[in-house]
PDB file of N, CA and C in Angstrom:
ATOM      1  N   MET A   1       0.850  -1.171   0.000  1.00  0.00           N
ATOM      2  CA  MET A   1       0.000   0.000   0.000  1.00  0.00           C
ATOM      3  C   MET A   1       0.896   1.233   0.000  1.00  0.00           C
ATOM      4  N   GLU A   2       0.548   2.176  -0.797  1.00  0.00           N
ATOM      5  CA  GLU A   2       1.270   3.437  -0.861  1.00  0.00           C
ATOM      6  C   GLU A   2       0.464   4.487  -0.117  1.00  0.00           C
ATOM      7  N   ALA A   3       1.123   5.261   0.714  1.00  0.00           N
ATOM      8  CA  ALA A   3       0.441   6.306   1.470  1.00  0.00           C
ATOM      9  C   ALA A   3       1.172   7.617   1.287  1.00  0.00           C
ATOM     10  N   ILE A   4       0.420   8.669   1.248  1.00  0.00           N
ATOM     11  CA  ILE A   4       0.973  10.015   1.145  1.00  0.00           C
ATOM     12  C   ILE A   4       0.394  10.818   2.300  1.00  0.00           C
ATOM     13  N   ARG A   5       1.277  11.470   3.013  1.00  0.00           N
ATOM     14  CA  ARG A   5       0.812  12.331   4.101  1.00  0.00           C
ATOM     15  C   ARG A   5       1.215  13.760   3.769  1.00  0.00           C
ATOM     16  N   GLN A   6       0.267  14.639   3.831  1.00  0.00           N
ATOM     17  CA  GLN A   6       0.536  16.045   3.544  1.00  0.00           C
ATOM     18  C   GLN A   6      -0.173  16.907   4.572  1.00  0.00           C
ATOM     19  N   ILE A   7       0.403  18.034   4.842  1.00  0.00           N
ATOM     20  CA  ILE A   7      -0.285  19.054   5.621  1.00  0.00           C
ATOM     21  C   ILE A   7      -0.593  20.177   4.634  1.00  0.00           C
ATOM     22  N   VAL A   8      -1.878  20.458   4.470  1.00  0.00           N
ATOM     23  CA  VAL A   8      -2.298  21.457   3.496  1.00  0.00           C
ATOM     24  C   VAL A   8      -3.119  22.541   4.194  1.00  0.00           C
ATOM     25  N   SER A   9      -3.127  23.701   3.603  1.00  0.00           N
ATOM     26  CA  SER A   9      -3.887  24.823   4.162  1.00  0.00           C
ATOM     27  C   SER A   9      -5.333  24.751   3.696  1.00  0.00           C
ATOM     28  N   VAL A  10      -6.220  25.101   4.602  1.00  0.00           N
ATOM     29  CA  VAL A  10      -7.642  25.163   4.279  1.00  0.00           C
ATOM     30  C   VAL A  10      -7.955  26.600   3.883  1.00  0.00           C
ATOM     31  N   LYS A  11      -8.573  26.761   2.725  1.00  0.00           N
ATOM     32  CA  LYS A  11      -8.964  28.096   2.257  1.00  0.00           C
ATOM     33  C   LYS A  11     -10.416  28.030   1.814  1.00  0.00           C
ATOM     34  N   ASN A  12     -11.238  28.867   2.407  1.00  0.00           N
ATOM     35  CA  ASN A  12     -12.669  28.902   2.086  1.00  0.00           C
ATOM     36  C   ASN A  12     -13.308  27.528   2.230  1.00  0.00           C
ATOM     37  N   HIS A  13     -12.962  26.830   3.292  1.00  0.00           N
ATOM     38  CA  HIS A  13     -13.491  25.500   3.589  1.00  0.00           C
ATOM     39  C   HIS A  13     -13.170  24.485   2.503  1.00  0.00           C
ATOM     40  N   SER A  14     -12.041  24.675   1.799  1.00  0.00           N
ATOM     41  CA  SER A  14     -11.616  23.751   0.744  1.00  0.00           C
ATOM     42  C   SER A  14     -10.138  23.439   0.883  1.00  0.00           C
ATOM     43  N   ILE A  15      -9.772  22.285   0.348  1.00  0.00           N
ATOM     44  CA  ILE A  15      -8.362  21.920   0.261  1.00  0.00           C
ATOM     45  C   ILE A  15      -8.085  21.434  -1.154  1.00  0.00           C
ATOM     46  N   ASN A  16      -6.831  21.520  -1.556  1.00  0.00           N
ATOM     47  CA  ASN A  16      -6.418  21.035  -2.863  1.00  0.00           C
ATOM     48  C   ASN A  16      -5.216  20.128  -2.636  1.00  0.00           C
ATOM     49  N   ILE A  17      -5.311  18.888  -3.069  1.00  0.00           N
ATOM     50  CA  ILE A  17      -4.227  17.925  -2.892  1.00  0.00           C
ATOM     51  C   ILE A  17      -3.710  17.532  -4.267  1.00  0.00           C
ATOM     52  N   ILE A  18      -2.425  17.747  -4.491  1.00  0.00           N
ATOM     53  CA  ILE A  18      -1.779  17.372  -5.748  1.00  0.00           C
ATOM     54  C   ILE A  18      -1.067  16.041  -5.505  1.00  0.00           C
ATOM     55  N   LEU A  19      -1.402  15.044  -6.302  1.00  0.00           N
ATOM     56  CA  LEU A  19      -0.780  13.729  -6.171  1.00  0.00           C
ATOM     57  C   LEU A  19       0.441  13.628  -7.072  1.00  0.00           C
ATOM     58  N   PRO A  20       1.447  12.863  -6.649  1.00  0.00           N
ATOM     59  CA  PRO A  20       2.624  12.671  -7.504  1.00  0.00           C
ATOM     60  C   PRO A  20       2.244  11.984  -8.815  1.00  0.00           C
ATOM     61  N   ASP A  21       3.034  12.218  -9.857  1.00  0.00           N
ATOM     62  CA  ASP A  21       2.750  11.626 -11.168  1.00  0.00           C
ATOM     63  C   ASP A  21       2.712  10.105 -11.128  1.00  0.00           C
ATOM     64  N   ASP A  22       3.518   9.496 -10.238  1.00  0.00           N
ATOM     65  CA  ASP A  22       3.589   8.031 -10.195  1.00  0.00           C
ATOM     66  C   ASP A  22       2.564   7.405  -9.249  1.00  0.00           C
ATOM     67  N   PHE A  23       1.675   8.202  -8.696  1.00  0.00           N
ATOM     68  CA  PHE A  23       0.621   7.667  -7.825  1.00  0.00           C
ATOM     69  C   PHE A  23      -0.532   7.228  -8.704  1.00  0.00           C
ATOM     70  N   ASN A  24      -0.771   5.931  -8.746  1.00  0.00           N
ATOM     71  CA  ASN A  24      -1.808   5.383  -9.614  1.00  0.00           C
ATOM     72  C   ASN A  24      -2.883   4.702  -8.781  1.00  0.00           C
ATOM     73  N   ALA A  25      -4.018   5.316  -8.690  1.00  0.00           N
ATOM     74  CA  ALA A  25      -5.155   4.722  -7.988  1.00  0.00           C
ATOM     75  C   ALA A  25      -6.424   5.346  -8.544  1.00  0.00           C
ATOM     76  N   ASP A  26      -7.453   4.541  -8.667  1.00  0.00           N
ATOM     77  CA  ASP A  26      -8.729   5.045  -9.146  1.00  0.00           C
ATOM     78  C   ASP A  26      -9.563   5.640  -8.019  1.00  0.00           C
ATOM     79  N   GLU A  27      -9.342   5.157  -6.786  1.00  0.00           N
ATOM     80  CA  GLU A  27     -10.038   5.678  -5.620  1.00  0.00           C
ATOM     81  C   GLU A  27      -9.027   5.824  -4.493  1.00  0.00           C
ATOM     82  N   VAL A  28      -9.253   6.779  -3.612  1.00  0.00           N
ATOM     83  CA  VAL A  28      -8.395   6.967  -2.443  1.00  0.00           C
ATOM     84  C   VAL A  28      -9.271   7.209  -1.229  1.00  0.00           C
ATOM     85  N   GLU A  29      -8.731   6.933  -0.087  1.00  0.00           N
ATOM     86  CA  GLU A  29      -9.405   7.240   1.167  1.00  0.00           C
ATOM     87  C   GLU A  29      -8.779   8.507   1.718  1.00  0.00           C
ATOM     88  N   VAL A  30      -9.603   9.445   2.091  1.00  0.00           N
ATOM     89  CA  VAL A  30      -9.118  10.711   2.628  1.00  0.00           C
ATOM     90  C   VAL A  30      -9.594  10.828   4.073  1.00  0.00           C
ATOM     91  N   ILE A  31      -8.651  11.072   4.962  1.00  0.00           N
ATOM     92  CA  ILE A  31      -8.965  11.297   6.366  1.00  0.00           C
ATOM     93  C   ILE A  31      -8.516  12.718   6.684  1.00  0.00           C
ATOM     94  N   ILE A  32      -9.412  13.527   7.181  1.00  0.00           N
ATOM     95  CA  ILE A  32      -9.088  14.919   7.458  1.00  0.00           C
ATOM     96  C   ILE A  32      -9.125  15.138   8.968  1.00  0.00           C
ATOM     97  N   MET A  33      -7.998  15.593   9.489  1.00  0.00           N
ATOM     98  CA  MET A  33      -7.889  15.886  10.919  1.00  0.00           C
ATOM     99  C   MET A  33      -7.152  17.213  11.074  1.00  0.00           C
ATOM    100  N   PRO A  34      -7.488  17.974  12.099  1.00  0.00           N
ATOM    101  CA  PRO A  34      -6.718  19.195  12.321  1.00  0.00           C
ATOM    102  C   PRO A  34      -5.289  18.841  12.731  1.00  0.00           C
ATOM    103  N   VAL A  35      -4.342  19.667  12.332  1.00  0.00           N
ATOM    104  CA  VAL A  35      -2.942  19.448  12.699  1.00  0.00           C
ATOM    105  C   VAL A  35      -2.804  19.664  14.194  1.00  0.00           C
ATOM    106  N   GLN A  36      -2.168  18.718  14.845  1.00  0.00           N
ATOM    107  CA  GLN A  36      -1.928  18.828  16.279  1.00  0.00           C
ATOM    108  C   GLN A  36      -0.648  19.603  16.521  1.00  0.00           C
ATOM    109  N   ASP A  37      -0.502  20.088  17.709  1.00  0.00           N
ATOM    110  CA  ASP A  37       0.721  20.791  18.105  1.00  0.00           C
ATOM    111  C   ASP A  37       1.884  19.818  18.039  1.00  0.00           C
ATOM    112  N   ASN A  38       2.826  20.074  17.150  1.00  0.00           N
ATOM    113  CA  ASN A  38       3.978  19.189  16.979  1.00  0.00           C
ATOM    114  C   ASN A  38       5.174  19.620  17.813  1.00  0.00           C
ATOM    115  N   ASN A  39       4.948  20.429  18.827  1.00  0.00           N
ATOM    116  CA  ASN A  39       6.037  20.908  19.666  1.00  0.00           C
ATOM    117  C   ASN A  39       6.237  19.986  20.866  1.00  0.00           C
ATOM    118  N   PHE A  40       6.315  18.693  20.619  1.00  0.00           N
ATOM    119  CA  PHE A  40       6.569  17.764  21.708  1.00  0.00           C
ATOM    120  C   PHE A  40       8.066  17.482  21.771  1.00  0.00           C
ATOM    121  N   VAL A  41       8.513  17.071  22.930  1.00  0.00           N
ATOM    122  CA  VAL A  41       9.936  16.837  23.148  1.00  0.00           C
ATOM    123  C   VAL A  41      10.148  15.359  23.456  1.00  0.00           C
ATOM    124  N   ILE A  42      11.061  14.741  22.745  1.00  0.00           N
ATOM    125  CA  ILE A  42      11.441  13.361  23.035  1.00  0.00           C
ATOM    126  C   ILE A  42      12.540  13.416  24.080  1.00  0.00           C
ATOM    127  N   PRO A  43      12.366  12.725  25.199  1.00  0.00           N
ATOM    128  CA  PRO A  43      13.386  12.776  26.253  1.00  0.00           C
ATOM    129  C   PRO A  43      14.727  12.242  25.758  1.00  0.00           C
ATOM    130  N   GLN A  44      15.801  12.828  26.246  1.00  0.00           N
ATOM    131  CA  GLN A  44      17.135  12.438  25.810  1.00  0.00           C
ATOM    132  C   GLN A  44      17.413  10.964  26.095  1.00  0.00           C
ATOM    133  N   TRP A  45      16.907  10.436  27.232  1.00  0.00           N
ATOM    134  CA  TRP A  45      17.157   9.031  27.544  1.00  0.00           C
ATOM    135  C   TRP A  45      16.561   8.119  26.474  1.00  0.00           C
ATOM    136  N   GLN A  46      15.422   8.539  25.911  1.00  0.00           N
ATOM    137  CA  GLN A  46      14.771   7.717  24.886  1.00  0.00           C
ATOM    138  C   GLN A  46      15.546   7.782  23.568  1.00  0.00           C
ATOM    139  N   ILE A  47      16.042   8.946  23.228  1.00  0.00           N
ATOM    140  CA  ILE A  47      16.882   9.096  22.032  1.00  0.00           C
ATOM    141  C   ILE A  47      18.128   8.233  22.166  1.00  0.00           C
ATOM    142  N   ASP A  48      18.764   8.294  23.337  1.00  0.00           N
ATOM    143  CA  ASP A  48      19.975   7.500  23.582  1.00  0.00           C
ATOM    144  C   ASP A  48      19.698   6.000  23.482  1.00  0.00           C
ATOM    145  N   GLU A  49      18.562   5.581  24.023  1.00  0.00           N
ATOM    146  CA  GLU A  49      18.199   4.161  23.996  1.00  0.00           C
ATOM    147  C   GLU A  49      17.996   3.667  22.566  1.00  0.00           C
ATOM    148  N   VAL A  50      17.306   4.443  21.758  1.00  0.00           N
ATOM    149  CA  VAL A  50      17.068   4.048  20.366  1.00  0.00           C
ATOM    150  C   VAL A  50      18.384   3.997  19.601  1.00  0.00           C
ATOM    151  N   ARG A  51      19.251   4.969  19.829  1.00  0.00           N
ATOM    152  CA  ARG A  51      20.557   4.958  19.158  1.00  0.00           C
ATOM    153  C   ARG A  51      21.374   3.744  19.558  1.00  0.00           C
ATOM    154  N   GLU A  52      21.384   3.414  20.841  1.00  0.00           N
ATOM    155  CA  GLU A  52      22.139   2.248  21.313  1.00  0.00           C
ATOM    156  C   GLU A  52      21.588   0.958  20.709  1.00  0.00           C
ATOM    157  N   ARG A  53      20.277   0.838  20.680  1.00  0.00           N
ATOM    158  CA  ARG A  53      19.668  -0.358  20.095  1.00  0.00           C
ATOM    159  C   ARG A  53      19.971  -0.461  18.604  1.00  0.00           C
ATOM    160  N   THR A  54      19.962   0.663  17.915  1.00  0.00           N
ATOM    161  CA  THR A  54      20.273   0.670  16.481  1.00  0.00           C
ATOM    162  C   THR A  54      21.709   0.227  16.241  1.00  0.00           C
ATOM    163  N   ILE A  55      22.638   0.759  17.026  1.00  0.00           N
ATOM    164  CA  ILE A  55      24.051   0.372  16.895  1.00  0.00           C
ATOM    165  C   ILE A  55      24.213  -1.117  17.153  1.00  0.00           C
ATOM    166  N   ASN A  56      23.572  -1.616  18.208  1.00  0.00           N
ATOM    167  CA  ASN A  56      23.661  -3.049  18.525  1.00  0.00           C
ATOM    168  C   ASN A  56      23.077  -3.907  17.414  1.00  0.00           C
ATOM    169  N   TYR A  57      21.968  -3.473  16.838  1.00  0.00           N
ATOM    170  CA  TYR A  57      21.365  -4.229  15.756  1.00  0.00           C
ATOM    171  C   TYR A  57      22.274  -4.256  14.537  1.00  0.00           C
ATOM    172  N   LEU A  58      22.841  -3.110  14.191  1.00  0.00           N
ATOM    173  CA  LEU A  58      23.701  -3.051  13.009  1.00  0.00           C
ATOM    174  C   LEU A  58      24.964  -3.890  13.178  1.00  0.00           C
ATOM    175  N   LYS A  59      25.437  -4.022  14.403  1.00  0.00           N
ATOM    176  CA  LYS A  59      26.614  -4.859  14.673  1.00  0.00           C
ATOM    177  C   LYS A  59      26.258  -6.339  14.626  1.00  0.00           C
ATOM    178  N   ASN A  60      25.064  -6.697  15.104  1.00  0.00           N
ATOM    179  CA  ASN A  60      24.659  -8.103  15.231  1.00  0.00           C
ATOM    180  C   ASN A  60      23.211  -8.305  14.788  1.00  0.00           C
ATOM    181  N   PRO A  61      22.891  -8.129  13.519  1.00  0.00           N
ATOM    182  CA  PRO A  61      21.489  -8.249  13.094  1.00  0.00           C
ATOM    183  C   PRO A  61      20.898  -9.640  13.317  1.00  0.00           C
ATOM    184  N   ASN A  62      21.729 -10.663  13.342  1.00  0.00           N
ATOM    185  CA  ASN A  62      21.213 -12.026  13.548  1.00  0.00           C
ATOM    186  C   ASN A  62      20.772 -12.277  14.985  1.00  0.00           C
ATOM    187  N   GLU A  63      21.176 -11.418  15.894  1.00  0.00           N
ATOM    188  CA  GLU A  63      20.801 -11.597  17.297  1.00  0.00           C
ATOM    189  C   GLU A  63      19.530 -10.837  17.669  1.00  0.00           C
ATOM    190  N   ALA A  64      18.926 -10.170  16.713  1.00  0.00           N
ATOM    191  CA  ALA A  64      17.700  -9.422  16.987  1.00  0.00           C
ATOM    192  C   ALA A  64      16.566 -10.381  17.315  1.00  0.00           C
ATOM    193  N   THR A  65      15.725  -9.981  18.236  1.00  0.00           N
ATOM    194  CA  THR A  65      14.584 -10.802  18.628  1.00  0.00           C
ATOM    195  C   THR A  65      13.491 -10.684  17.581  1.00  0.00           C
ATOM    196  N   ASP A  66      12.987 -11.812  17.122  1.00  0.00           N
ATOM    197  CA  ASP A  66      11.866 -11.838  16.190  1.00  0.00           C
ATOM    198  C   ASP A  66      10.623 -11.348  16.920  1.00  0.00           C
ATOM    199  N   ILE A  67       9.781 -10.586  16.251  1.00  0.00           N
ATOM    200  CA  ILE A  67       8.600 -10.016  16.891  1.00  0.00           C
ATOM    201  C   ILE A  67       7.680 -11.094  17.450  1.00  0.00           C
ATOM    202  N   GLU A  68       7.556 -12.204  16.751  1.00  0.00           N
ATOM    203  CA  GLU A  68       6.698 -13.282  17.243  1.00  0.00           C
ATOM    204  C   GLU A  68       7.251 -13.861  18.546  1.00  0.00           C
ATOM    205  N   ASP A  69       8.569 -14.057  18.600  1.00  0.00           N
ATOM    206  CA  ASP A  69       9.191 -14.557  19.832  1.00  0.00           C
ATOM    207  C   ASP A  69       9.026 -13.556  20.965  1.00  0.00           C
ATOM    208  N   PHE A  70       9.168 -12.288  20.647  1.00  0.00           N
ATOM    209  CA  PHE A  70       9.025 -11.239  21.645  1.00  0.00           C
ATOM    210  C   PHE A  70       7.607 -11.234  22.224  1.00  0.00           C
ATOM    211  N   LEU A  71       6.606 -11.328  21.357  1.00  0.00           N
ATOM    212  CA  LEU A  71       5.225 -11.320  21.819  1.00  0.00           C
ATOM    213  C   LEU A  71       4.911 -12.552  22.671  1.00  0.00           C
ATOM    214  N   LYS A  72       5.460 -13.712  22.290  1.00  0.00           N
ATOM    215  CA  LYS A  72       5.260 -14.923  23.085  1.00  0.00           C
ATOM    216  C   LYS A  72       5.908 -14.774  24.455  1.00  0.00           C
ATOM    217  N   GLU A  73       7.069 -14.156  24.491  1.00  0.00           N
ATOM    218  CA  GLU A  73       7.774 -13.945  25.759  1.00  0.00           C
ATOM    219  C   GLU A  73       6.946 -13.046  26.685  1.00  0.00           C
ATOM    220  N   ILE A  74       6.377 -11.992  26.132  1.00  0.00           N
ATOM    221  CA  ILE A  74       5.531 -11.101  26.939  1.00  0.00           C
ATOM    222  C   ILE A  74       4.293 -11.838  27.413  1.00  0.00           C
ATOM    223  N   GLU A  75       3.692 -12.597  26.528  1.00  0.00           N
ATOM    224  CA  GLU A  75       2.467 -13.332  26.875  1.00  0.00           C
ATOM    225  C   GLU A  75       2.748 -14.322  28.009  1.00  0.00           C
ATOM    226  N   ASN A  76       3.883 -14.973  27.978  1.00  0.00           N
ATOM    227  CA  ASN A  76       4.244 -15.937  29.029  1.00  0.00           C
ATOM    228  C   ASN A  76       4.469 -15.262  30.375  1.00  0.00           C
ATOM    229  N   GLU A  77       4.867 -14.009  30.354  1.00  0.00           N
ATOM    230  CA  GLU A  77       5.116 -13.284  31.607  1.00  0.00           C
ATOM    231  C   GLU A  77       3.818 -12.784  32.250  1.00  0.00           C
ATOM    232  N   LEU A  78       2.727 -12.763  31.499  1.00  0.00           N
ATOM    233  CA  LEU A  78       1.450 -12.268  32.065  1.00  0.00           C
ATOM    234  C   LEU A  78       0.783 -13.267  32.962  1.00  0.00           C
TER     235      LEU A  78
END
């Protein structure tokens, strides 16, 4: 599935969406929501954790936990 996300201005209760030339679909689903305040802050500890996990994965991709195994592990702990 191909998805396009755009933030467009509303003028006179209308919007105009220009699709890329390579977007080929006869019908599309449009969901309209007001833009939320994007001034949120990601805590530094979370940024550091994601970076560390990324580095570890790139060094040892074969040691990554499969999502199915991870979900089973969580389910067993409940």
